[in-house]
Amino acid sequence: MELDPTSMKPVINRIKRAQGQLAGVLRLLEEGRDCEDVVTQLAAVSKALDRAGFAIVASGLQQCLVQGDGDVDNLDVKKMEKLFLSLA
């Protein structure tokens, strides 16, 4: 299943923001900053990426249901479940 680039715009923006946050984490480490500051920023990056992943999986599920022929047996539930759980 291919993702619709238009519906992925918010996810792309979230990942770009996380990319900037990750660069900030690297900078904090290189500067020898306080552990609490580094971990706080790293947690923010992790949360942003998790949310992006969940949004992608949710969009994929929605796409499968909308574009499907109504036959739930054709929906690869195990594959979608595996994708979802890979983010946990």
PDB file of N, CA and C in Angstrom:
ATOM      1  N   MET A   1       0.844  -1.168   0.000  1.00  0.00           N
ATOM      2  CA  MET A   1       0.000   0.000   0.000  1.00  0.00           C
ATOM      3  C   MET A   1       0.895   1.240   0.000  1.00  0.00           C
ATOM      4  N   GLU A   2       0.597   2.139  -0.899  1.00  0.00           N
ATOM      5  CA  GLU A   2       1.345   3.384  -0.973  1.00  0.00           C
ATOM      6  C   GLU A   2       0.610   4.471  -0.209  1.00  0.00           C
ATOM      7  N   LEU A   3       1.376   5.344   0.414  1.00  0.00           N
ATOM      8  CA  LEU A   3       0.795   6.437   1.188  1.00  0.00           C
ATOM      9  C   LEU A   3       0.526   7.634   0.287  1.00  0.00           C
ATOM     10  N   ASP A   4      -0.558   8.335   0.566  1.00  0.00           N
ATOM     11  CA  ASP A   4      -0.913   9.534  -0.173  1.00  0.00           C
ATOM     12  C   ASP A   4      -0.056  10.690   0.332  1.00  0.00           C
ATOM     13  N   PRO A   5       0.815  11.255  -0.528  1.00  0.00           N
ATOM     14  CA  PRO A   5       1.704  12.338  -0.102  1.00  0.00           C
ATOM     15  C   PRO A   5       0.957  13.553   0.458  1.00  0.00           C
ATOM     16  N   THR A   6      -0.225  13.817  -0.054  1.00  0.00           N
ATOM     17  CA  THR A   6      -0.998  14.962   0.425  1.00  0.00           C
ATOM     18  C   THR A   6      -1.419  14.770   1.875  1.00  0.00           C
ATOM     19  N   SER A   7      -1.904  13.583   2.198  1.00  0.00           N
ATOM     20  CA  SER A   7      -2.346  13.328   3.574  1.00  0.00           C
ATOM     21  C   SER A   7      -1.162  13.165   4.524  1.00  0.00           C
ATOM     22  N   MET A   8       0.019  12.943   3.989  1.00  0.00           N
ATOM     23  CA  MET A   8       1.212  12.766   4.813  1.00  0.00           C
ATOM     24  C   MET A   8       1.913  14.090   5.132  1.00  0.00           C
ATOM     25  N   LYS A   9       1.408  15.200   4.607  1.00  0.00           N
ATOM     26  CA  LYS A   9       2.036  16.510   4.828  1.00  0.00           C
ATOM     27  C   LYS A   9       2.246  16.814   6.316  1.00  0.00           C
ATOM     28  N   PRO A  10       1.220  16.628   7.184  1.00  0.00           N
ATOM     29  CA  PRO A  10       1.453  16.886   8.615  1.00  0.00           C
ATOM     30  C   PRO A  10       2.510  15.950   9.220  1.00  0.00           C
ATOM     31  N   VAL A  11       2.551  14.728   8.752  1.00  0.00           N
ATOM     32  CA  VAL A  11       3.535  13.765   9.258  1.00  0.00           C
ATOM     33  C   VAL A  11       4.935  14.190   8.815  1.00  0.00           C
ATOM     34  N   ILE A  12       5.051  14.613   7.582  1.00  0.00           N
ATOM     35  CA  ILE A  12       6.342  15.082   7.067  1.00  0.00           C
ATOM     36  C   ILE A  12       6.820  16.275   7.882  1.00  0.00           C
ATOM     37  N   ASN A  13       5.922  17.198   8.166  1.00  0.00           N
ATOM     38  CA  ASN A  13       6.284  18.371   8.971  1.00  0.00           C
ATOM     39  C   ASN A  13       6.722  17.961  10.374  1.00  0.00           C
ATOM     40  N   ARG A  14       6.027  16.997  10.958  1.00  0.00           N
ATOM     41  CA  ARG A  14       6.377  16.517  12.306  1.00  0.00           C
ATOM     42  C   ARG A  14       7.771  15.891  12.302  1.00  0.00           C
ATOM     43  N   ILE A  15       8.071  15.119  11.273  1.00  0.00           N
ATOM     44  CA  ILE A  15       9.380  14.466  11.193  1.00  0.00           C
ATOM     45  C   ILE A  15      10.485  15.495  10.958  1.00  0.00           C
ATOM     46  N   LYS A  16      10.216  16.499  10.160  1.00  0.00           N
ATOM     47  CA  LYS A  16      11.205  17.568   9.952  1.00  0.00           C
ATOM     48  C   LYS A  16      11.477  18.303  11.263  1.00  0.00           C
ATOM     49  N   ARG A  17      10.422  18.530  12.037  1.00  0.00           N
ATOM     50  CA  ARG A  17      10.586  19.190  13.338  1.00  0.00           C
ATOM     51  C   ARG A  17      11.420  18.296  14.265  1.00  0.00           C
ATOM     52  N   ALA A  18      11.163  17.001  14.242  1.00  0.00           N
ATOM     53  CA  ALA A  18      11.930  16.061  15.059  1.00  0.00           C
ATOM     54  C   ALA A  18      13.394  16.033  14.619  1.00  0.00           C
ATOM     55  N   GLN A  19      13.606  16.171  13.321  1.00  0.00           N
ATOM     56  CA  GLN A  19      14.966  16.200  12.792  1.00  0.00           C
ATOM     57  C   GLN A  19      15.729  17.402  13.374  1.00  0.00           C
ATOM     58  N   GLY A  20      15.060  18.535  13.458  1.00  0.00           N
ATOM     59  CA  GLY A  20      15.667  19.720  14.054  1.00  0.00           C
ATOM     60  C   GLY A  20      15.937  19.522  15.539  1.00  0.00           C
ATOM     61  N   GLN A  21      14.989  18.873  16.213  1.00  0.00           N
ATOM     62  CA  GLN A  21      15.176  18.590  17.639  1.00  0.00           C
ATOM     63  C   GLN A  21      16.353  17.644  17.859  1.00  0.00           C
ATOM     64  N   LEU A  22      16.490  16.665  16.978  1.00  0.00           N
ATOM     65  CA  LEU A  22      17.588  15.714  17.106  1.00  0.00           C
ATOM     66  C   LEU A  22      18.930  16.413  16.893  1.00  0.00           C
ATOM     67  N   ALA A  23      18.980  17.336  15.965  1.00  0.00           N
ATOM     68  CA  ALA A  23      20.199  18.122  15.766  1.00  0.00           C
ATOM     69  C   ALA A  23      20.517  18.906  17.039  1.00  0.00           C
ATOM     70  N   GLY A  24      19.472  19.392  17.696  1.00  0.00           N
ATOM     71  CA  GLY A  24      19.661  20.096  18.963  1.00  0.00           C
ATOM     72  C   GLY A  24      20.217  19.189  20.044  1.00  0.00           C
ATOM     73  N   VAL A  25      19.761  17.949  20.072  1.00  0.00           N
ATOM     74  CA  VAL A  25      20.271  16.980  21.046  1.00  0.00           C
ATOM     75  C   VAL A  25      21.762  16.747  20.820  1.00  0.00           C
ATOM     76  N   LEU A  26      22.130  16.580  19.562  1.00  0.00           N
ATOM     77  CA  LEU A  26      23.557  16.388  19.242  1.00  0.00           C
ATOM     78  C   LEU A  26      24.385  17.577  19.691  1.00  0.00           C
ATOM     79  N   ARG A  27      23.862  18.767  19.446  1.00  0.00           N
ATOM     80  CA  ARG A  27      24.567  19.988  19.837  1.00  0.00           C
ATOM     81  C   ARG A  27      24.738  20.039  21.363  1.00  0.00           C
ATOM     82  N   LEU A  28      23.671  19.692  22.086  1.00  0.00           N
ATOM     83  CA  LEU A  28      23.749  19.681  23.550  1.00  0.00           C
ATOM     84  C   LEU A  28      24.825  18.705  24.032  1.00  0.00           C
ATOM     85  N   LEU A  29      24.881  17.537  23.409  1.00  0.00           N
ATOM     86  CA  LEU A  29      25.886  16.540  23.785  1.00  0.00           C
ATOM     87  C   LEU A  29      27.299  17.037  23.492  1.00  0.00           C
ATOM     88  N   GLU A  30      27.468  17.625  22.321  1.00  0.00           N
ATOM     89  CA  GLU A  30      28.788  18.132  21.928  1.00  0.00           C
ATOM     90  C   GLU A  30      29.249  19.273  22.833  1.00  0.00           C
ATOM     91  N   GLU A  31      28.305  20.033  23.366  1.00  0.00           N
ATOM     92  CA  GLU A  31      28.635  21.143  24.251  1.00  0.00           C
ATOM     93  C   GLU A  31      28.796  20.698  25.703  1.00  0.00           C
ATOM     94  N   GLY A  32      28.502  19.424  25.973  1.00  0.00           N
ATOM     95  CA  GLY A  32      28.626  18.913  27.330  1.00  0.00           C
ATOM     96  C   GLY A  32      27.568  19.465  28.268  1.00  0.00           C
ATOM     97  N   ARG A  33      26.381  19.659  27.758  1.00  0.00           N
ATOM     98  CA  ARG A  33      25.295  20.246  28.550  1.00  0.00           C
ATOM     99  C   ARG A  33      24.768  19.279  29.600  1.00  0.00           C
ATOM    100  N   ASP A  34      23.922  19.803  30.448  1.00  0.00           N
ATOM    101  CA  ASP A  34      23.342  19.058  31.557  1.00  0.00           C
ATOM    102  C   ASP A  34      22.556  17.842  31.063  1.00  0.00           C
ATOM    103  N   CYS A  35      22.705  16.741  31.775  1.00  0.00           N
ATOM    104  CA  CYS A  35      22.044  15.485  31.422  1.00  0.00           C
ATOM    105  C   CYS A  35      20.525  15.657  31.315  1.00  0.00           C
ATOM    106  N   GLU A  36      19.938  16.390  32.236  1.00  0.00           N
ATOM    107  CA  GLU A  36      18.486  16.589  32.237  1.00  0.00           C
ATOM    108  C   GLU A  36      18.017  17.284  30.957  1.00  0.00           C
ATOM    109  N   ASP A  37      18.781  18.283  30.506  1.00  0.00           N
ATOM    110  CA  ASP A  37      18.426  18.989  29.266  1.00  0.00           C
ATOM    111  C   ASP A  37      18.468  18.046  28.062  1.00  0.00           C
ATOM    112  N   VAL A  38      19.513  17.225  28.018  1.00  0.00           N
ATOM    113  CA  VAL A  38      19.677  16.293  26.896  1.00  0.00           C
ATOM    114  C   VAL A  38      18.542  15.276  26.881  1.00  0.00           C
ATOM    115  N   VAL A  39      18.259  14.683  28.035  1.00  0.00           N
ATOM    116  CA  VAL A  39      17.220  13.652  28.110  1.00  0.00           C
ATOM    117  C   VAL A  39      15.845  14.246  27.799  1.00  0.00           C
ATOM    118  N   THR A  40      15.578  15.452  28.251  1.00  0.00           N
ATOM    119  CA  THR A  40      14.298  16.110  27.968  1.00  0.00           C
ATOM    120  C   THR A  40      14.118  16.301  26.468  1.00  0.00           C
ATOM    121  N   GLN A  41      15.153  16.774  25.802  1.00  0.00           N
ATOM    122  CA  GLN A  41      15.065  16.976  24.348  1.00  0.00           C
ATOM    123  C   GLN A  41      14.982  15.649  23.602  1.00  0.00           C
ATOM    124  N   LEU A  42      15.701  14.661  24.066  1.00  0.00           N
ATOM    125  CA  LEU A  42      15.659  13.341  23.442  1.00  0.00           C
ATOM    126  C   LEU A  42      14.277  12.724  23.579  1.00  0.00           C
ATOM    127  N   ALA A  43      13.641  12.918  24.725  1.00  0.00           N
ATOM    128  CA  ALA A  43      12.279  12.417  24.928  1.00  0.00           C
ATOM    129  C   ALA A  43      11.301  13.108  23.982  1.00  0.00           C
ATOM    130  N   ALA A  44      11.511  14.401  23.735  1.00  0.00           N
ATOM    131  CA  ALA A  44      10.652  15.139  22.805  1.00  0.00           C
ATOM    132  C   ALA A  44      10.797  14.598  21.389  1.00  0.00           C
ATOM    133  N   VAL A  45      12.024  14.288  20.987  1.00  0.00           N
ATOM    134  CA  VAL A  45      12.264  13.711  19.654  1.00  0.00           C
ATOM    135  C   VAL A  45      11.573  12.361  19.543  1.00  0.00           C
ATOM    136  N   SER A  46      11.742  11.547  20.562  1.00  0.00           N
ATOM    137  CA  SER A  46      11.148  10.219  20.559  1.00  0.00           C
ATOM    138  C   SER A  46       9.622  10.288  20.457  1.00  0.00           C
ATOM    139  N   LYS A  47       9.019  11.178  21.213  1.00  0.00           N
ATOM    140  CA  LYS A  47       7.564  11.322  21.198  1.00  0.00           C
ATOM    141  C   LYS A  47       7.078  11.790  19.825  1.00  0.00           C
ATOM    142  N   ALA A  48       7.805  12.741  19.234  1.00  0.00           N
ATOM    143  CA  ALA A  48       7.429  13.244  17.909  1.00  0.00           C
ATOM    144  C   ALA A  48       7.489  12.131  16.866  1.00  0.00           C
ATOM    145  N   LEU A  49       8.529  11.319  16.922  1.00  0.00           N
ATOM    146  CA  LEU A  49       8.650  10.217  15.961  1.00  0.00           C
ATOM    147  C   LEU A  49       7.589   9.151  16.191  1.00  0.00           C
ATOM    148  N   ASP A  50       7.289   8.872  17.454  1.00  0.00           N
ATOM    149  CA  ASP A  50       6.228   7.912  17.758  1.00  0.00           C
ATOM    150  C   ASP A  50       4.896   8.385  17.182  1.00  0.00           C
ATOM    151  N   ARG A  51       4.591   9.651  17.395  1.00  0.00           N
ATOM    152  CA  ARG A  51       3.326  10.192  16.882  1.00  0.00           C
ATOM    153  C   ARG A  51       3.284  10.164  15.359  1.00  0.00           C
ATOM    154  N   ALA A  52       4.404  10.435  14.726  1.00  0.00           N
ATOM    155  CA  ALA A  52       4.459  10.359  13.273  1.00  0.00           C
ATOM    156  C   ALA A  52       4.210   8.927  12.804  1.00  0.00           C
ATOM    157  N   GLY A  53       4.814   7.969  13.484  1.00  0.00           N
ATOM    158  CA  GLY A  53       4.613   6.564  13.137  1.00  0.00           C
ATOM    159  C   GLY A  53       3.173   6.130  13.316  1.00  0.00           C
ATOM    160  N   PHE A  54       2.562   6.536  14.430  1.00  0.00           N
ATOM    161  CA  PHE A  54       1.161   6.197  14.659  1.00  0.00           C
ATOM    162  C   PHE A  54       0.266   6.818  13.592  1.00  0.00           C
ATOM    163  N   ALA A  55       0.570   8.045  13.200  1.00  0.00           N
ATOM    164  CA  ALA A  55      -0.225   8.715  12.164  1.00  0.00           C
ATOM    165  C   ALA A  55      -0.109   7.975  10.830  1.00  0.00           C
ATOM    166  N   ILE A  56       1.077   7.484  10.526  1.00  0.00           N
ATOM    167  CA  ILE A  56       1.277   6.741   9.274  1.00  0.00           C
ATOM    168  C   ILE A  56       0.485   5.440   9.302  1.00  0.00           C
ATOM    169  N   VAL A  57       0.563   4.704  10.408  1.00  0.00           N
ATOM    170  CA  VAL A  57      -0.174   3.438  10.525  1.00  0.00           C
ATOM    171  C   VAL A  57      -1.678   3.704  10.470  1.00  0.00           C
ATOM    172  N   ALA A  58      -2.149   4.728  11.177  1.00  0.00           N
ATOM    173  CA  ALA A  58      -3.579   5.048  11.168  1.00  0.00           C
ATOM    174  C   ALA A  58      -4.042   5.413   9.764  1.00  0.00           C
ATOM    175  N   SER A  59      -3.231   6.171   9.057  1.00  0.00           N
ATOM    176  CA  SER A  59      -3.579   6.546   7.688  1.00  0.00           C
ATOM    177  C   SER A  59      -3.625   5.308   6.788  1.00  0.00           C
ATOM    178  N   GLY A  60      -2.679   4.408   7.003  1.00  0.00           N
ATOM    179  CA  GLY A  60      -2.661   3.169   6.228  1.00  0.00           C
ATOM    180  C   GLY A  60      -3.898   2.328   6.481  1.00  0.00           C
ATOM    181  N   LEU A  61      -4.301   2.234   7.736  1.00  0.00           N
ATOM    182  CA  LEU A  61      -5.516   1.483   8.060  1.00  0.00           C
ATOM    183  C   LEU A  61      -6.739   2.121   7.408  1.00  0.00           C
ATOM    184  N   GLN A  62      -6.824   3.426   7.517  1.00  0.00           N
ATOM    185  CA  GLN A  62      -7.959   4.139   6.929  1.00  0.00           C
ATOM    186  C   GLN A  62      -7.991   3.934   5.418  1.00  0.00           C
ATOM    187  N   GLN A  63      -6.823   4.031   4.799  1.00  0.00           N
ATOM    188  CA  GLN A  63      -6.731   3.846   3.354  1.00  0.00           C
ATOM    189  C   GLN A  63      -7.186   2.441   2.957  1.00  0.00           C
ATOM    190  N   CYS A  64      -6.771   1.458   3.723  1.00  0.00           N
ATOM    191  CA  CYS A  64      -7.166   0.070   3.434  1.00  0.00           C
ATOM    192  C   CYS A  64      -8.679  -0.088   3.518  1.00  0.00           C
ATOM    193  N   LEU A  65      -9.269   0.509   4.535  1.00  0.00           N
ATOM    194  CA  LEU A  65     -10.709   0.373   4.726  1.00  0.00           C
ATOM    195  C   LEU A  65     -11.495   1.126   3.665  1.00  0.00           C
ATOM    196  N   VAL A  66     -11.044   2.315   3.326  1.00  0.00           N
ATOM    197  CA  VAL A  66     -11.768   3.144   2.350  1.00  0.00           C
ATOM    198  C   VAL A  66     -11.614   2.582   0.943  1.00  0.00           C
ATOM    199  N   GLN A  67     -10.406   2.176   0.591  1.00  0.00           N
ATOM    200  CA  GLN A  67     -10.157   1.713  -0.771  1.00  0.00           C
ATOM    201  C   GLN A  67     -10.493   0.244  -0.966  1.00  0.00           C
ATOM    202  N   GLY A  68     -10.687  -0.446   0.141  1.00  0.00           N
ATOM    203  CA  GLY A  68     -10.999  -1.874   0.051  1.00  0.00           C
ATOM    204  C   GLY A  68     -12.384  -2.093  -0.526  1.00  0.00           C
ATOM    205  N   ASP A  69     -12.651  -3.333  -0.830  1.00  0.00           N
ATOM    206  CA  ASP A  69     -13.949  -3.680  -1.407  1.00  0.00           C
ATOM    207  C   ASP A  69     -14.939  -4.122  -0.333  1.00  0.00           C
ATOM    208  N   GLY A  70     -14.608  -3.822   0.914  1.00  0.00           N
ATOM    209  CA  GLY A  70     -15.500  -4.206   2.012  1.00  0.00           C
ATOM    210  C   GLY A  70     -15.206  -5.593   2.540  1.00  0.00           C
ATOM    211  N   ASP A  71     -14.301  -6.292   1.905  1.00  0.00           N
ATOM    212  CA  ASP A  71     -13.946  -7.649   2.324  1.00  0.00           C
ATOM    213  C   ASP A  71     -12.848  -7.562   3.382  1.00  0.00           C
ATOM    214  N   VAL A  72     -13.230  -7.683   4.627  1.00  0.00           N
ATOM    215  CA  VAL A  72     -12.286  -7.557   5.737  1.00  0.00           C
ATOM    216  C   VAL A  72     -11.226  -8.644   5.671  1.00  0.00           C
ATOM    217  N   ASP A  73     -11.560  -9.782   5.069  1.00  0.00           N
ATOM    218  CA  ASP A  73     -10.588 -10.869   4.974  1.00  0.00           C
ATOM    219  C   ASP A  73      -9.396 -10.476   4.111  1.00  0.00           C
ATOM    220  N   ASN A  74      -9.604  -9.565   3.146  1.00  0.00           N
ATOM    221  CA  ASN A  74      -8.506  -9.127   2.295  1.00  0.00           C
ATOM    222  C   ASN A  74      -7.599  -8.119   2.993  1.00  0.00           C
ATOM    223  N   LEU A  75      -8.068  -7.498   4.046  1.00  0.00           N
ATOM    224  CA  LEU A  75      -7.276  -6.543   4.804  1.00  0.00           C
ATOM    225  C   LEU A  75      -6.209  -7.317   5.574  1.00  0.00           C
ATOM    226  N   ASP A  76      -4.973  -6.988   5.366  1.00  0.00           N
ATOM    227  CA  ASP A  76      -3.873  -7.699   6.010  1.00  0.00           C
ATOM    228  C   ASP A  76      -3.726  -7.201   7.451  1.00  0.00           C
ATOM    229  N   VAL A  77      -4.617  -7.701   8.300  1.00  0.00           N
ATOM    230  CA  VAL A  77      -4.691  -7.261   9.690  1.00  0.00           C
ATOM    231  C   VAL A  77      -3.388  -7.562  10.422  1.00  0.00           C
ATOM    232  N   LYS A  78      -2.844  -8.721  10.212  1.00  0.00           N
ATOM    233  CA  LYS A  78      -1.609  -9.107  10.908  1.00  0.00           C
ATOM    234  C   LYS A  78      -0.456  -8.170  10.532  1.00  0.00           C
ATOM    235  N   LYS A  79      -0.387  -7.802   9.270  1.00  0.00           N
ATOM    236  CA  LYS A  79       0.680  -6.906   8.827  1.00  0.00           C
ATOM    237  C   LYS A  79       0.516  -5.526   9.464  1.00  0.00           C
ATOM    238  N   MET A  80      -0.714  -5.006   9.484  1.00  0.00           N
ATOM    239  CA  MET A  80      -0.957  -3.700  10.091  1.00  0.00           C
ATOM    240  C   MET A  80      -0.701  -3.755  11.598  1.00  0.00           C
ATOM    241  N   GLU A  81      -1.086  -4.854  12.231  1.00  0.00           N
ATOM    242  CA  GLU A  81      -0.847  -5.018  13.668  1.00  0.00           C
ATOM    243  C   GLU A  81       0.650  -5.026  13.954  1.00  0.00           C
ATOM    244  N   LYS A  82       1.400  -5.718  13.117  1.00  0.00           N
ATOM    245  CA  LYS A  82       2.850  -5.781  13.293  1.00  0.00           C
ATOM    246  C   LYS A  82       3.464  -4.393  13.151  1.00  0.00           C
ATOM    247  N   LEU A  83       3.016  -3.623  12.174  1.00  0.00           N
ATOM    248  CA  LEU A  83       3.502  -2.252  12.001  1.00  0.00           C
ATOM    249  C   LEU A  83       3.203  -1.399  13.225  1.00  0.00           C
ATOM    250  N   PHE A  84       1.970  -1.517  13.698  1.00  0.00           N
ATOM    251  CA  PHE A  84       1.548  -0.738  14.863  1.00  0.00           C
ATOM    252  C   PHE A  84       2.390  -1.099  16.086  1.00  0.00           C
ATOM    253  N   LEU A  85       2.570  -2.391  16.327  1.00  0.00           N
ATOM    254  CA  LEU A  85       3.300  -2.836  17.494  1.00  0.00           C
ATOM    255  C   LEU A  85       4.811  -2.544  17.393  1.00  0.00           C
ATOM    256  N   SER A  86       5.307  -2.395  16.186  1.00  0.00           N
ATOM    257  CA  SER A  86       6.717  -2.072  16.041  1.00  0.00           C
ATOM    258  C   SER A  86       7.032  -0.688  16.613  1.00  0.00           C
ATOM    259  N   LEU A  87       6.006   0.125  16.783  1.00  0.00           N
ATOM    260  CA  LEU A  87       6.195   1.454  17.351  1.00  0.00           C
ATOM    261  C   LEU A  87       6.127   1.461  18.875  1.00  0.00           C
ATOM    262  N   ALA A  88       5.653   0.368  19.438  1.00  0.00           N
ATOM    263  CA  ALA A  88       5.484   0.311  20.902  1.00  0.00           C
ATOM    264  C   ALA A  88       6.800   0.095  21.622  1.00  0.00           C
TER     265      ALA A  88
END
